[in-house]
Amino acid sequence: MSFSEKLISWYTKNGRKLPWRNTNDPYVIWLSEIILQQTRVEQGLPYFDSFVTKYPNVQRFADAEEGDILRLWQGLGYYSRARNMHRAAKRVVAEFHGDFPTQYADVIRLPGVGDYTAAAISSFSVNEKQAVLDGNVFRVLARYFGIDIPINSGEGKKIFKSLAQELISHKNPGLYNHAIMDFGATHCKPKLPLCETCVFRLECVAYKENRVSELPIKTKGKASKSRFFHYFVHEKGESLLMSKRGEGDVWSNLFELPLIETDVDVDLVELMQLEDFITHFEGADLLPINGQVKHILSHQNIYARFYRLENLPEVKGKKEEWNYFLSENLDKLAKHKLIFSFLNKYIS
């Protein structure tokens, strides 16, 4: 039995039953694939259900306001994915008359769609012979063949792409792609893989050479930058002061609390002596709400502290991007996960 036949045999008995696997609709497949990028299935499933319900077709998605899409996306992170989805939907309507493309060559042209997503959509919707290559596939192939070339190197990407395309089933490329991804996610896991019951244990190079924990190899990226955010809660009656972020930085156009960013962490006394604080909040009593929160982004670590401004009737020199919103309307604002979680916990 060939590698692909063994995988498909395993999958027919052990594959997960997921809603997007019961359709060949490229729009629905696209939704699931983008939502599940850098997101666990358990976390992404409710979002998938919400998007399919609110936007049952690409025309409805394209016609939506960006703010509505971002609000529905709230909590998933990597908000550029949602913005690219909106741009992609508009392009599908404009260039493909609302018929979501199925061919790899067309899908790869859409904003936010890379090689993996284009291969997934084309193979799952019309069985085009395009091998998917995600973290699960890298791991399975690296271990099975004992490949120690870094998966994120130029050479590694070429080798694994060629190997994946060589191994894909000729008869059932879509089914094979589902199988290898599921096998990596649930059986050949990053930690504690189920080697003793693996259908490949007799052939797997990593298992035979006791190198399972070493593979795949990935070169380290650049060090993450640390940023220190100090957020301020100011309530006026039933309203809360919120700030809308601009373009060109993390969380662009999303809402959060007013903040002061510092190059290093500062204590309460140092914070109150900063020019920005004196300009807007001088005279306020500053009450820390919780301890420091670490929020990890790609190549950035955000260290956030939250303070309540007390005995300050009015904020001075209110910035253009600052506005008061009634508490009952906060749910209508698209917020990034750090602020969304804080408001849910501390602001009734």
C-alpha atoms as a PDB file:
ATOM      1  CA  MET A   1       0.000   0.000   0.000  1.00  0.00           C
ATOM      2  CA  SER A   2       1.412   3.408  -0.986  1.00  0.00           C
ATOM      3  CA  PHE A   3       1.927   6.361   1.365  1.00  0.00           C
ATOM      4  CA  SER A   4      -1.198   8.120   0.076  1.00  0.00           C
ATOM      5  CA  GLU A   5      -3.313   4.963   0.250  1.00  0.00           C
ATOM      6  CA  LYS A   6      -2.291   4.335   3.865  1.00  0.00           C
ATOM      7  CA  LEU A   7      -3.099   7.915   4.786  1.00  0.00           C
ATOM      8  CA  ILE A   8      -6.526   7.825   3.158  1.00  0.00           C
ATOM      9  CA  SER A   9      -7.279   4.467   4.777  1.00  0.00           C
ATOM     10  CA  TRP A  10      -6.376   5.929   8.174  1.00  0.00           C
ATOM     11  CA  TYR A  11      -8.497   9.008   7.497  1.00  0.00           C
ATOM     12  CA  THR A  12     -11.635   7.109   6.520  1.00  0.00           C
ATOM     13  CA  LYS A  13     -11.553   5.470   9.954  1.00  0.00           C
ATOM     14  CA  ASN A  14     -10.215   8.299  12.111  1.00  0.00           C
ATOM     15  CA  GLY A  15     -10.835  11.626  10.361  1.00  0.00           C
ATOM     16  CA  ARG A  16     -12.609  14.397  12.266  1.00  0.00           C
ATOM     17  CA  LYS A  17     -16.169  15.262  11.277  1.00  0.00           C
ATOM     18  CA  LEU A  18     -16.017  18.987  10.554  1.00  0.00           C
ATOM     19  CA  PRO A  19     -18.807  21.010   8.882  1.00  0.00           C
ATOM     20  CA  TRP A  20     -16.667  22.433   6.080  1.00  0.00           C
ATOM     21  CA  ARG A  21     -15.784  18.923   4.964  1.00  0.00           C
ATOM     22  CA  ASN A  22     -19.366  18.254   3.941  1.00  0.00           C
ATOM     23  CA  THR A  23     -19.300  20.726   1.070  1.00  0.00           C
ATOM     24  CA  ASN A  24     -17.442  21.487  -2.138  1.00  0.00           C
ATOM     25  CA  ASP A  25     -18.583  25.135  -2.070  1.00  0.00           C
ATOM     26  CA  PRO A  26     -15.336  27.107  -2.549  1.00  0.00           C
ATOM     27  CA  TYR A  27     -16.721  30.106  -0.623  1.00  0.00           C
ATOM     28  CA  VAL A  28     -17.449  28.022   2.474  1.00  0.00           C
ATOM     29  CA  ILE A  29     -14.090  26.262   2.176  1.00  0.00           C
ATOM     30  CA  TRP A  30     -12.359  29.649   1.864  1.00  0.00           C
ATOM     31  CA  LEU A  31     -14.097  30.897   5.018  1.00  0.00           C
ATOM     32  CA  SER A  32     -12.993  27.861   7.000  1.00  0.00           C
ATOM     33  CA  GLU A  33      -9.412  27.931   5.766  1.00  0.00           C
ATOM     34  CA  ILE A  34      -8.834  31.623   6.519  1.00  0.00           C
ATOM     35  CA  ILE A  35     -10.521  31.413   9.924  1.00  0.00           C
ATOM     36  CA  LEU A  36      -8.444  28.374  10.887  1.00  0.00           C
ATOM     37  CA  GLN A  37      -5.109  29.943   9.977  1.00  0.00           C
ATOM     38  CA  GLN A  38      -3.193  30.283  13.268  1.00  0.00           C
ATOM     39  CA  THR A  39      -6.374  29.230  15.081  1.00  0.00           C
ATOM     40  CA  ARG A  40      -7.263  25.936  16.768  1.00  0.00           C
ATOM     41  CA  VAL A  41     -10.305  24.118  15.365  1.00  0.00           C
ATOM     42  CA  GLU A  42     -12.081  24.309  18.724  1.00  0.00           C
ATOM     43  CA  GLN A  43     -11.664  28.080  18.799  1.00  0.00           C
ATOM     44  CA  GLY A  44     -12.417  28.647  15.125  1.00  0.00           C
ATOM     45  CA  LEU A  45     -15.586  26.556  14.839  1.00  0.00           C
ATOM     46  CA  PRO A  46     -17.953  29.088  16.514  1.00  0.00           C
ATOM     47  CA  TYR A  47     -16.534  31.859  14.316  1.00  0.00           C
ATOM     48  CA  PHE A  48     -17.042  29.751  11.206  1.00  0.00           C
ATOM     49  CA  ASP A  49     -20.657  29.124  12.179  1.00  0.00           C
ATOM     50  CA  SER A  50     -21.226  32.842  12.811  1.00  0.00           C
ATOM     51  CA  PHE A  51     -19.745  33.923   9.478  1.00  0.00           C
ATOM     52  CA  VAL A  52     -21.619  31.311   7.443  1.00  0.00           C
ATOM     53  CA  THR A  53     -24.870  32.309   9.134  1.00  0.00           C
ATOM     54  CA  LYS A  54     -24.447  36.075   8.725  1.00  0.00           C
ATOM     55  CA  TYR A  55     -22.752  35.959   5.305  1.00  0.00           C
ATOM     56  CA  PRO A  56     -24.093  32.848   3.506  1.00  0.00           C
ATOM     57  CA  ASN A  57     -22.532  33.852   0.191  1.00  0.00           C
ATOM     58  CA  VAL A  58     -19.664  35.938  -1.109  1.00  0.00           C
ATOM     59  CA  GLN A  59     -21.959  38.739  -2.312  1.00  0.00           C
ATOM     60  CA  ARG A  60     -23.279  39.304   1.213  1.00  0.00           C
ATOM     61  CA  PHE A  61     -19.710  39.264   2.534  1.00  0.00           C
ATOM     62  CA  ALA A  62     -18.555  41.794  -0.042  1.00  0.00           C
ATOM     63  CA  ASP A  63     -21.507  44.112   0.712  1.00  0.00           C
ATOM     64  CA  ALA A  64     -20.820  44.126   4.469  1.00  0.00           C
ATOM     65  CA  GLU A  65     -19.206  47.045   6.288  1.00  0.00           C
ATOM     66  CA  GLU A  66     -15.606  46.389   7.325  1.00  0.00           C
ATOM     67  CA  GLY A  67     -16.466  47.304  10.917  1.00  0.00           C
ATOM     68  CA  ASP A  68     -19.165  44.607  11.018  1.00  0.00           C
ATOM     69  CA  ILE A  69     -16.706  41.991   9.766  1.00  0.00           C
ATOM     70  CA  LEU A  70     -14.054  43.050  12.278  1.00  0.00           C
ATOM     71  CA  ARG A  71     -16.565  42.936  15.110  1.00  0.00           C
ATOM     72  CA  LEU A  72     -17.599  39.386  14.173  1.00  0.00           C
ATOM     73  CA  TRP A  73     -13.890  38.510  13.925  1.00  0.00           C
ATOM     74  CA  GLN A  74     -13.217  39.961  17.383  1.00  0.00           C
ATOM     75  CA  GLY A  75     -11.120  37.623  19.526  1.00  0.00           C
ATOM     76  CA  LEU A  76      -9.444  35.713  16.678  1.00  0.00           C
ATOM     77  CA  GLY A  77      -6.514  38.116  16.324  1.00  0.00           C
ATOM     78  CA  TYR A  78      -4.456  38.766  13.186  1.00  0.00           C
ATOM     79  CA  TYR A  79      -7.088  41.235  11.966  1.00  0.00           C
ATOM     80  CA  SER A  80      -5.361  41.646   8.611  1.00  0.00           C
ATOM     81  CA  ARG A  81      -6.892  38.270   7.734  1.00  0.00           C
ATOM     82  CA  ALA A  82     -10.402  39.694   8.098  1.00  0.00           C
ATOM     83  CA  ARG A  83      -9.552  42.809   6.093  1.00  0.00           C
ATOM     84  CA  ASN A  84      -8.023  40.707   3.312  1.00  0.00           C
ATOM     85  CA  MET A  85     -11.131  38.516   3.289  1.00  0.00           C
ATOM     86  CA  HIS A  86     -13.268  41.591   2.701  1.00  0.00           C
ATOM     87  CA  ARG A  87     -11.008  42.730  -0.137  1.00  0.00           C
ATOM     88  CA  ALA A  88     -11.015  39.220  -1.619  1.00  0.00           C
ATOM     89  CA  ALA A  89     -14.819  39.027  -1.518  1.00  0.00           C
ATOM     90  CA  LYS A  90     -15.100  42.351  -3.332  1.00  0.00           C
ATOM     91  CA  ARG A  91     -12.683  41.116  -5.993  1.00  0.00           C
ATOM     92  CA  VAL A  92     -14.670  37.913  -6.478  1.00  0.00           C
ATOM     93  CA  VAL A  93     -17.803  39.974  -7.049  1.00  0.00           C
ATOM     94  CA  ALA A  94     -16.041  42.383  -9.405  1.00  0.00           C
ATOM     95  CA  GLU A  95     -13.932  39.934 -11.424  1.00  0.00           C
ATOM     96  CA  PHE A  96     -15.821  36.631 -11.166  1.00  0.00           C
ATOM     97  CA  HIS A  97     -19.403  37.976 -11.041  1.00  0.00           C
ATOM     98  CA  GLY A  98     -19.908  36.602  -7.548  1.00  0.00           C
ATOM     99  CA  ASP A  99     -18.903  33.030  -8.433  1.00  0.00           C
ATOM    100  CA  PHE A 100     -16.086  32.100  -6.098  1.00  0.00           C
ATOM    101  CA  PRO A 101     -13.196  30.699  -8.203  1.00  0.00           C
ATOM    102  CA  THR A 102     -12.152  27.090  -7.860  1.00  0.00           C
ATOM    103  CA  GLN A 103      -8.991  26.857  -9.950  1.00  0.00           C
ATOM    104  CA  TYR A 104      -5.674  27.326  -8.146  1.00  0.00           C
ATOM    105  CA  ALA A 105      -4.444  29.905 -10.680  1.00  0.00           C
ATOM    106  CA  ASP A 106      -7.484  32.117 -10.009  1.00  0.00           C
ATOM    107  CA  VAL A 107      -7.721  31.606  -6.252  1.00  0.00           C
ATOM    108  CA  ILE A 108      -4.049  32.438  -5.637  1.00  0.00           C
ATOM    109  CA  ARG A 109      -4.662  35.943  -7.017  1.00  0.00           C
ATOM    110  CA  LEU A 110      -7.103  36.854  -4.231  1.00  0.00           C
ATOM    111  CA  PRO A 111      -5.897  39.085  -1.354  1.00  0.00           C
ATOM    112  CA  GLY A 112      -4.793  37.113   1.681  1.00  0.00           C
ATOM    113  CA  VAL A 113      -4.604  33.808  -0.198  1.00  0.00           C
ATOM    114  CA  GLY A 114      -1.277  32.005  -0.261  1.00  0.00           C
ATOM    115  CA  ASP A 115      -0.122  28.734  -1.744  1.00  0.00           C
ATOM    116  CA  TYR A 116      -1.595  26.599   1.030  1.00  0.00           C
ATOM    117  CA  THR A 117      -5.069  28.191   0.935  1.00  0.00           C
ATOM    118  CA  ALA A 118      -5.244  28.143  -2.864  1.00  0.00           C
ATOM    119  CA  ALA A 119      -4.257  24.461  -2.897  1.00  0.00           C
ATOM    120  CA  ALA A 120      -6.844  23.649  -0.230  1.00  0.00           C
ATOM    121  CA  ILE A 121      -9.713  25.446  -2.006  1.00  0.00           C
ATOM    122  CA  SER A 122      -8.922  24.040  -5.445  1.00  0.00           C
ATOM    123  CA  SER A 123      -8.411  20.473  -4.238  1.00  0.00           C
ATOM    124  CA  PHE A 124     -11.400  20.391  -1.872  1.00  0.00           C
ATOM    125  CA  SER A 125     -13.851  22.036  -4.283  1.00  0.00           C
ATOM    126  CA  VAL A 126     -12.954  20.502  -7.662  1.00  0.00           C
ATOM    127  CA  ASN A 127     -10.316  17.885  -6.813  1.00  0.00           C
ATOM    128  CA  GLU A 128      -7.507  19.787  -8.536  1.00  0.00           C
ATOM    129  CA  LYS A 129      -4.200  18.039  -7.912  1.00  0.00           C
ATOM    130  CA  GLN A 130      -2.592  20.649  -5.691  1.00  0.00           C
ATOM    131  CA  ALA A 131      -0.825  19.463  -2.527  1.00  0.00           C
ATOM    132  CA  VAL A 132      -1.377  21.470   0.653  1.00  0.00           C
ATOM    133  CA  LEU A 133       1.642  22.321   2.758  1.00  0.00           C
ATOM    134  CA  ASP A 134       0.962  23.584   6.274  1.00  0.00           C
ATOM    135  CA  GLY A 135       2.601  22.944   9.638  1.00  0.00           C
ATOM    136  CA  ASN A 136       0.934  19.552   9.970  1.00  0.00           C
ATOM    137  CA  VAL A 137       2.130  18.415   6.548  1.00  0.00           C
ATOM    138  CA  PHE A 138       5.679  19.677   7.142  1.00  0.00           C
ATOM    139  CA  ARG A 139       5.800  17.690  10.370  1.00  0.00           C
ATOM    140  CA  VAL A 140       4.503  14.430   8.884  1.00  0.00           C
ATOM    141  CA  LEU A 141       6.858  14.543   5.900  1.00  0.00           C
ATOM    142  CA  ALA A 142       9.904  15.627   7.923  1.00  0.00           C
ATOM    143  CA  ARG A 143       9.455  12.754  10.358  1.00  0.00           C
ATOM    144  CA  TYR A 144       8.482  10.081   7.847  1.00  0.00           C
ATOM    145  CA  PHE A 145      11.433  10.792   5.549  1.00  0.00           C
ATOM    146  CA  GLY A 146      13.852  12.000   8.235  1.00  0.00           C
ATOM    147  CA  ILE A 147      14.386  15.385   6.571  1.00  0.00           C
ATOM    148  CA  ASP A 148      16.484  17.742   8.700  1.00  0.00           C
ATOM    149  CA  ILE A 149      16.458  20.750   6.369  1.00  0.00           C
ATOM    150  CA  PRO A 150      14.703  23.694   8.075  1.00  0.00           C
ATOM    151  CA  ILE A 151      11.099  23.892   6.922  1.00  0.00           C
ATOM    152  CA  ASN A 152      11.169  27.713   6.871  1.00  0.00           C
ATOM    153  CA  SER A 153      14.281  27.987   4.704  1.00  0.00           C
ATOM    154  CA  GLY A 154      14.121  28.645   0.971  1.00  0.00           C
ATOM    155  CA  GLU A 155      15.659  25.261   0.227  1.00  0.00           C
ATOM    156  CA  GLY A 156      13.361  23.502   2.661  1.00  0.00           C
ATOM    157  CA  LYS A 157      10.205  25.007   1.200  1.00  0.00           C
ATOM    158  CA  LYS A 158      11.183  23.881  -2.296  1.00  0.00           C
ATOM    159  CA  ILE A 159      12.040  20.354  -1.189  1.00  0.00           C
ATOM    160  CA  PHE A 160       8.882  19.854   0.855  1.00  0.00           C
ATOM    161  CA  LYS A 161       6.654  21.371  -1.839  1.00  0.00           C
ATOM    162  CA  SER A 162       8.094  19.058  -4.470  1.00  0.00           C
ATOM    163  CA  LEU A 163       7.768  16.031  -2.168  1.00  0.00           C
ATOM    164  CA  ALA A 164       4.195  16.888  -1.195  1.00  0.00           C
ATOM    165  CA  GLN A 165       3.184  17.226  -4.855  1.00  0.00           C
ATOM    166  CA  GLU A 166       4.884  13.923  -5.679  1.00  0.00           C
ATOM    167  CA  LEU A 167       3.039  12.050  -2.920  1.00  0.00           C
ATOM    168  CA  ILE A 168      -0.478  13.397  -3.456  1.00  0.00           C
ATOM    169  CA  SER A 169      -3.097  10.906  -4.586  1.00  0.00           C
ATOM    170  CA  HIS A 170      -3.853  11.031  -8.326  1.00  0.00           C
ATOM    171  CA  LYS A 171      -7.411   9.772  -7.834  1.00  0.00           C
ATOM    172  CA  ASN A 172      -8.425  11.684  -4.705  1.00  0.00           C
ATOM    173  CA  PRO A 173      -6.193  14.731  -4.162  1.00  0.00           C
ATOM    174  CA  GLY A 174      -8.776  16.531  -2.019  1.00  0.00           C
ATOM    175  CA  LEU A 175      -9.337  13.524   0.212  1.00  0.00           C
ATOM    176  CA  TYR A 176      -5.582  13.029   0.513  1.00  0.00           C
ATOM    177  CA  ASN A 177      -5.081  16.637   1.577  1.00  0.00           C
ATOM    178  CA  HIS A 178      -7.738  16.291   4.267  1.00  0.00           C
ATOM    179  CA  ALA A 179      -6.081  13.075   5.404  1.00  0.00           C
ATOM    180  CA  ILE A 180      -2.525  14.327   5.777  1.00  0.00           C
ATOM    181  CA  MET A 181      -3.591  17.478   7.619  1.00  0.00           C
ATOM    182  CA  ASP A 182      -5.812  15.531  10.007  1.00  0.00           C
ATOM    183  CA  PHE A 183      -3.098  12.935  10.557  1.00  0.00           C
ATOM    184  CA  GLY A 184      -0.646  15.647  11.543  1.00  0.00           C
ATOM    185  CA  ALA A 185      -3.156  17.440  13.758  1.00  0.00           C
ATOM    186  CA  THR A 186      -4.448  14.448  15.712  1.00  0.00           C
ATOM    187  CA  HIS A 187      -1.894  11.627  15.389  1.00  0.00           C
ATOM    188  CA  CYS A 188       1.566  12.862  14.363  1.00  0.00           C
ATOM    189  CA  LYS A 189       1.228  15.730  16.836  1.00  0.00           C
ATOM    190  CA  PRO A 190       3.996  18.208  17.738  1.00  0.00           C
ATOM    191  CA  LYS A 191       4.150  16.829  21.263  1.00  0.00           C
ATOM    192  CA  LEU A 192       3.319  13.308  22.387  1.00  0.00           C
ATOM    193  CA  PRO A 193       2.660  11.863  18.915  1.00  0.00           C
ATOM    194  CA  LEU A 194       0.933   8.479  18.868  1.00  0.00           C
ATOM    195  CA  CYS A 195       3.884   6.592  17.425  1.00  0.00           C
ATOM    196  CA  GLU A 196       3.110   3.212  18.978  1.00  0.00           C
ATOM    197  CA  THR A 197      -0.182   2.939  17.091  1.00  0.00           C
ATOM    198  CA  CYS A 198       0.986   4.708  13.923  1.00  0.00           C
ATOM    199  CA  VAL A 199       0.355   3.063  10.550  1.00  0.00           C
ATOM    200  CA  PHE A 200       3.781   4.327   9.449  1.00  0.00           C
ATOM    201  CA  ARG A 201       5.881   3.201  12.427  1.00  0.00           C
ATOM    202  CA  LEU A 202       7.693   0.521  10.435  1.00  0.00           C
ATOM    203  CA  GLU A 203       8.766   2.993   7.718  1.00  0.00           C
ATOM    204  CA  CYS A 204       9.067   6.269   9.609  1.00  0.00           C
ATOM    205  CA  VAL A 205      12.725   7.343   9.683  1.00  0.00           C
ATOM    206  CA  ALA A 206      12.312   9.588  12.716  1.00  0.00           C
ATOM    207  CA  TYR A 207      10.676   6.784  14.709  1.00  0.00           C
ATOM    208  CA  LYS A 208      13.296   4.202  13.747  1.00  0.00           C
ATOM    209  CA  GLU A 209      16.151   6.594  14.568  1.00  0.00           C
ATOM    210  CA  ASN A 210      14.533   7.968  17.737  1.00  0.00           C
ATOM    211  CA  ARG A 211      14.433  11.502  16.302  1.00  0.00           C
ATOM    212  CA  VAL A 212      10.700  12.209  16.489  1.00  0.00           C
ATOM    213  CA  SER A 213      11.116  15.024  19.004  1.00  0.00           C
ATOM    214  CA  GLU A 214      13.834  16.649  16.851  1.00  0.00           C
ATOM    215  CA  LEU A 215      11.829  16.960  13.645  1.00  0.00           C
ATOM    216  CA  PRO A 216      10.814  19.089  11.894  1.00  0.00           C
ATOM    217  CA  ILE A 217      13.606  21.649  12.181  1.00  0.00           C
ATOM    218  CA  LYS A 218      12.784  25.336  12.029  1.00  0.00           C
ATOM    219  CA  THR A 219      15.296  28.157  12.133  1.00  0.00           C
ATOM    220  CA  LYS A 220      14.673  30.841  14.717  1.00  0.00           C
ATOM    221  CA  GLY A 221      13.264  34.128  13.495  1.00  0.00           C
ATOM    222  CA  LYS A 222      14.244  37.598  14.595  1.00  0.00           C
ATOM    223  CA  ALA A 223      13.801  38.527  18.230  1.00  0.00           C
ATOM    224  CA  SER A 224      10.449  39.964  19.244  1.00  0.00           C
ATOM    225  CA  LYS A 225      10.170  43.661  20.043  1.00  0.00           C
ATOM    226  CA  SER A 226       8.807  44.622  23.462  1.00  0.00           C
ATOM    227  CA  ARG A 227       6.283  47.458  23.738  1.00  0.00           C
ATOM    228  CA  PHE A 228       4.730  48.881  26.910  1.00  0.00           C
ATOM    229  CA  PHE A 229       1.125  50.101  26.769  1.00  0.00           C
ATOM    230  CA  HIS A 230      -0.566  51.966  29.614  1.00  0.00           C
ATOM    231  CA  TYR A 231      -4.334  52.065  29.159  1.00  0.00           C
ATOM    232  CA  PHE A 232      -6.678  54.475  30.945  1.00  0.00           C
ATOM    233  CA  VAL A 233     -10.303  53.984  31.917  1.00  0.00           C
ATOM    234  CA  HIS A 234     -12.290  57.213  32.098  1.00  0.00           C
ATOM    235  CA  GLU A 235     -16.022  57.056  32.609  1.00  0.00           C
ATOM    236  CA  LYS A 236     -18.364  60.019  32.282  1.00  0.00           C
ATOM    237  CA  GLY A 237     -21.809  59.091  33.447  1.00  0.00           C
ATOM    238  CA  GLU A 238     -22.831  55.992  31.517  1.00  0.00           C
ATOM    239  CA  SER A 239     -20.163  56.554  28.861  1.00  0.00           C
ATOM    240  CA  LEU A 240     -16.614  55.264  28.483  1.00  0.00           C
ATOM    241  CA  LEU A 241     -13.780  57.067  26.685  1.00  0.00           C
ATOM    242  CA  MET A 242     -12.509  54.980  23.759  1.00  0.00           C
ATOM    243  CA  SER A 243      -9.836  55.557  21.120  1.00  0.00           C
ATOM    244  CA  LYS A 244      -9.708  54.396  17.512  1.00  0.00           C
ATOM    245  CA  ARG A 245      -6.275  53.300  16.305  1.00  0.00           C
ATOM    246  CA  GLY A 246      -4.896  54.688  13.055  1.00  0.00           C
ATOM    247  CA  GLU A 247      -3.226  52.982  10.113  1.00  0.00           C
ATOM    248  CA  GLY A 248       0.327  51.679   9.926  1.00  0.00           C
ATOM    249  CA  ASP A 249       0.573  49.870  13.257  1.00  0.00           C
ATOM    250  CA  VAL A 250      -0.885  46.832  14.980  1.00  0.00           C
ATOM    251  CA  TRP A 251      -4.685  46.670  15.295  1.00  0.00           C
ATOM    252  CA  SER A 252      -5.261  49.422  12.719  1.00  0.00           C
ATOM    253  CA  ASN A 253      -8.736  51.017  12.847  1.00  0.00           C
ATOM    254  CA  LEU A 254      -9.788  48.970  15.890  1.00  0.00           C
ATOM    255  CA  PHE A 255     -11.073  50.518  19.097  1.00  0.00           C
ATOM    256  CA  GLU A 256      -9.294  50.452  22.440  1.00  0.00           C
ATOM    257  CA  LEU A 257      -8.900  52.589  25.548  1.00  0.00           C
ATOM    258  CA  PRO A 258      -6.755  55.749  25.433  1.00  0.00           C
ATOM    259  CA  LEU A 259      -3.134  54.834  26.035  1.00  0.00           C
ATOM    260  CA  ILE A 260       0.371  56.075  26.573  1.00  0.00           C
ATOM    261  CA  GLU A 261       3.165  53.924  25.147  1.00  0.00           C
ATOM    262  CA  THR A 262       6.617  53.906  26.751  1.00  0.00           C
ATOM    263  CA  ASP A 263       9.926  52.439  25.600  1.00  0.00           C
ATOM    264  CA  VAL A 264      10.420  50.663  28.937  1.00  0.00           C
ATOM    265  CA  ASP A 265       8.100  49.699  31.734  1.00  0.00           C
ATOM    266  CA  VAL A 266       7.439  52.531  34.199  1.00  0.00           C
ATOM    267  CA  ASP A 267       5.871  52.619  37.642  1.00  0.00           C
ATOM    268  CA  LEU A 268       2.894  54.675  38.726  1.00  0.00           C
ATOM    269  CA  VAL A 269       4.920  57.736  39.801  1.00  0.00           C
ATOM    270  CA  GLU A 270       6.976  57.779  36.594  1.00  0.00           C
ATOM    271  CA  LEU A 271       3.845  57.407  34.481  1.00  0.00           C
ATOM    272  CA  MET A 272       2.161  60.414  36.121  1.00  0.00           C
ATOM    273  CA  GLN A 273       5.253  62.532  35.396  1.00  0.00           C
ATOM    274  CA  LEU A 274       5.163  61.904  31.647  1.00  0.00           C
ATOM    275  CA  GLU A 275       4.278  64.856  29.435  1.00  0.00           C
ATOM    276  CA  ASP A 276       1.409  62.994  27.747  1.00  0.00           C
ATOM    277  CA  PHE A 277      -0.134  62.175  31.102  1.00  0.00           C
ATOM    278  CA  ILE A 278       0.148  65.755  32.379  1.00  0.00           C
ATOM    279  CA  THR A 279      -1.296  67.118  29.120  1.00  0.00           C
ATOM    280  CA  HIS A 280      -4.472  65.026  29.246  1.00  0.00           C
ATOM    281  CA  PHE A 281      -4.925  63.654  32.752  1.00  0.00           C
ATOM    282  CA  GLU A 282      -3.223  66.053  35.177  1.00  0.00           C
ATOM    283  CA  GLY A 283      -4.982  66.161  38.519  1.00  0.00           C
ATOM    284  CA  ALA A 284      -6.461  62.675  38.251  1.00  0.00           C
ATOM    285  CA  ASP A 285      -6.003  59.986  40.853  1.00  0.00           C
ATOM    286  CA  LEU A 286      -4.612  56.894  39.175  1.00  0.00           C
ATOM    287  CA  LEU A 287      -5.849  53.508  40.385  1.00  0.00           C
ATOM    288  CA  PRO A 288      -4.210  50.349  38.953  1.00  0.00           C
ATOM    289  CA  ILE A 289      -6.910  47.874  37.949  1.00  0.00           C
ATOM    290  CA  ASN A 290      -4.881  44.710  37.482  1.00  0.00           C
ATOM    291  CA  GLY A 291      -1.329  43.458  37.063  1.00  0.00           C
ATOM    292  CA  GLN A 292       0.651  43.596  33.865  1.00  0.00           C
ATOM    293  CA  VAL A 293      -0.789  41.603  30.970  1.00  0.00           C
ATOM    294  CA  LYS A 294       1.445  40.117  28.277  1.00  0.00           C
ATOM    295  CA  HIS A 295      -0.049  39.878  24.805  1.00  0.00           C
ATOM    296  CA  ILE A 296       2.026  38.147  22.112  1.00  0.00           C
ATOM    297  CA  LEU A 297       1.853  39.214  18.473  1.00  0.00           C
ATOM    298  CA  SER A 298       4.034  38.290  15.514  1.00  0.00           C
ATOM    299  CA  HIS A 299       7.474  39.713  16.353  1.00  0.00           C
ATOM    300  CA  GLN A 300       5.998  41.879  19.121  1.00  0.00           C
ATOM    301  CA  ASN A 301       5.310  41.402  22.794  1.00  0.00           C
ATOM    302  CA  ILE A 302       2.810  43.863  24.221  1.00  0.00           C
ATOM    303  CA  TYR A 303       3.048  44.475  27.972  1.00  0.00           C
ATOM    304  CA  ALA A 304      -0.144  46.224  29.041  1.00  0.00           C
ATOM    305  CA  ARG A 305      -1.245  47.849  32.278  1.00  0.00           C
ATOM    306  CA  PHE A 306      -4.692  49.281  32.979  1.00  0.00           C
ATOM    307  CA  TYR A 307      -5.535  52.224  35.239  1.00  0.00           C
ATOM    308  CA  ARG A 308      -8.741  53.903  36.291  1.00  0.00           C
ATOM    309  CA  LEU A 309      -8.766  57.716  36.199  1.00  0.00           C
ATOM    310  CA  GLU A 310     -10.616  59.030  39.233  1.00  0.00           C
ATOM    311  CA  ASN A 311     -11.589  62.545  40.322  1.00  0.00           C
ATOM    312  CA  LEU A 312     -11.113  63.841  36.791  1.00  0.00           C
ATOM    313  CA  PRO A 313     -14.373  65.485  35.619  1.00  0.00           C
ATOM    314  CA  GLU A 314     -13.075  66.143  32.114  1.00  0.00           C
ATOM    315  CA  VAL A 315     -10.153  64.910  30.028  1.00  0.00           C
ATOM    316  CA  LYS A 316      -8.013  67.805  28.834  1.00  0.00           C
ATOM    317  CA  GLY A 317      -7.107  68.311  25.208  1.00  0.00           C
ATOM    318  CA  LYS A 318      -9.148  65.318  24.037  1.00  0.00           C
ATOM    319  CA  LYS A 319      -7.552  63.826  20.924  1.00  0.00           C
ATOM    320  CA  GLU A 320      -9.462  63.595  17.658  1.00  0.00           C
ATOM    321  CA  GLU A 321      -9.527  59.807  17.829  1.00  0.00           C
ATOM    322  CA  TRP A 322     -10.979  59.801  21.371  1.00  0.00           C
ATOM    323  CA  ASN A 323     -14.742  59.657  21.857  1.00  0.00           C
ATOM    324  CA  TYR A 324     -17.166  58.701  24.609  1.00  0.00           C
ATOM    325  CA  PHE A 325     -19.461  55.766  23.944  1.00  0.00           C
ATOM    326  CA  LEU A 326     -22.423  54.624  26.004  1.00  0.00           C
ATOM    327  CA  SER A 327     -21.668  51.321  27.729  1.00  0.00           C
ATOM    328  CA  GLU A 328     -24.608  49.727  25.942  1.00  0.00           C
ATOM    329  CA  ASN A 329     -22.982  50.579  22.587  1.00  0.00           C
ATOM    330  CA  LEU A 330     -19.518  49.179  23.298  1.00  0.00           C
ATOM    331  CA  ASP A 331     -20.470  45.832  21.774  1.00  0.00           C
ATOM    332  CA  LYS A 332     -20.978  47.587  18.441  1.00  0.00           C
ATOM    333  CA  LEU A 333     -17.311  48.630  18.294  1.00  0.00           C
ATOM    334  CA  ALA A 334     -14.698  46.352  16.716  1.00  0.00           C
ATOM    335  CA  LYS A 335     -12.016  45.899  19.377  1.00  0.00           C
ATOM    336  CA  HIS A 336      -8.803  43.889  19.479  1.00  0.00           C
ATOM    337  CA  LYS A 337      -8.596  40.888  21.783  1.00  0.00           C
ATOM    338  CA  LEU A 338      -6.608  42.570  24.552  1.00  0.00           C
ATOM    339  CA  ILE A 339      -9.248  45.279  25.026  1.00  0.00           C
ATOM    340  CA  PHE A 340     -12.187  42.956  24.342  1.00  0.00           C
ATOM    341  CA  SER A 341     -11.047  40.631  27.138  1.00  0.00           C
ATOM    342  CA  PHE A 342     -10.371  43.483  29.558  1.00  0.00           C
ATOM    343  CA  LEU A 343     -13.749  45.153  29.056  1.00  0.00           C
ATOM    344  CA  ASN A 344     -15.590  41.845  29.456  1.00  0.00           C
ATOM    345  CA  LYS A 345     -13.852  41.217  32.762  1.00  0.00           C
ATOM    346  CA  TYR A 346     -13.626  44.635  34.376  1.00  0.00           C
ATOM    347  CA  ILE A 347     -16.201  46.944  32.792  1.00  0.00           C
ATOM    348  CA  SER A 348     -19.844  46.050  33.306  1.00  0.00           C
END
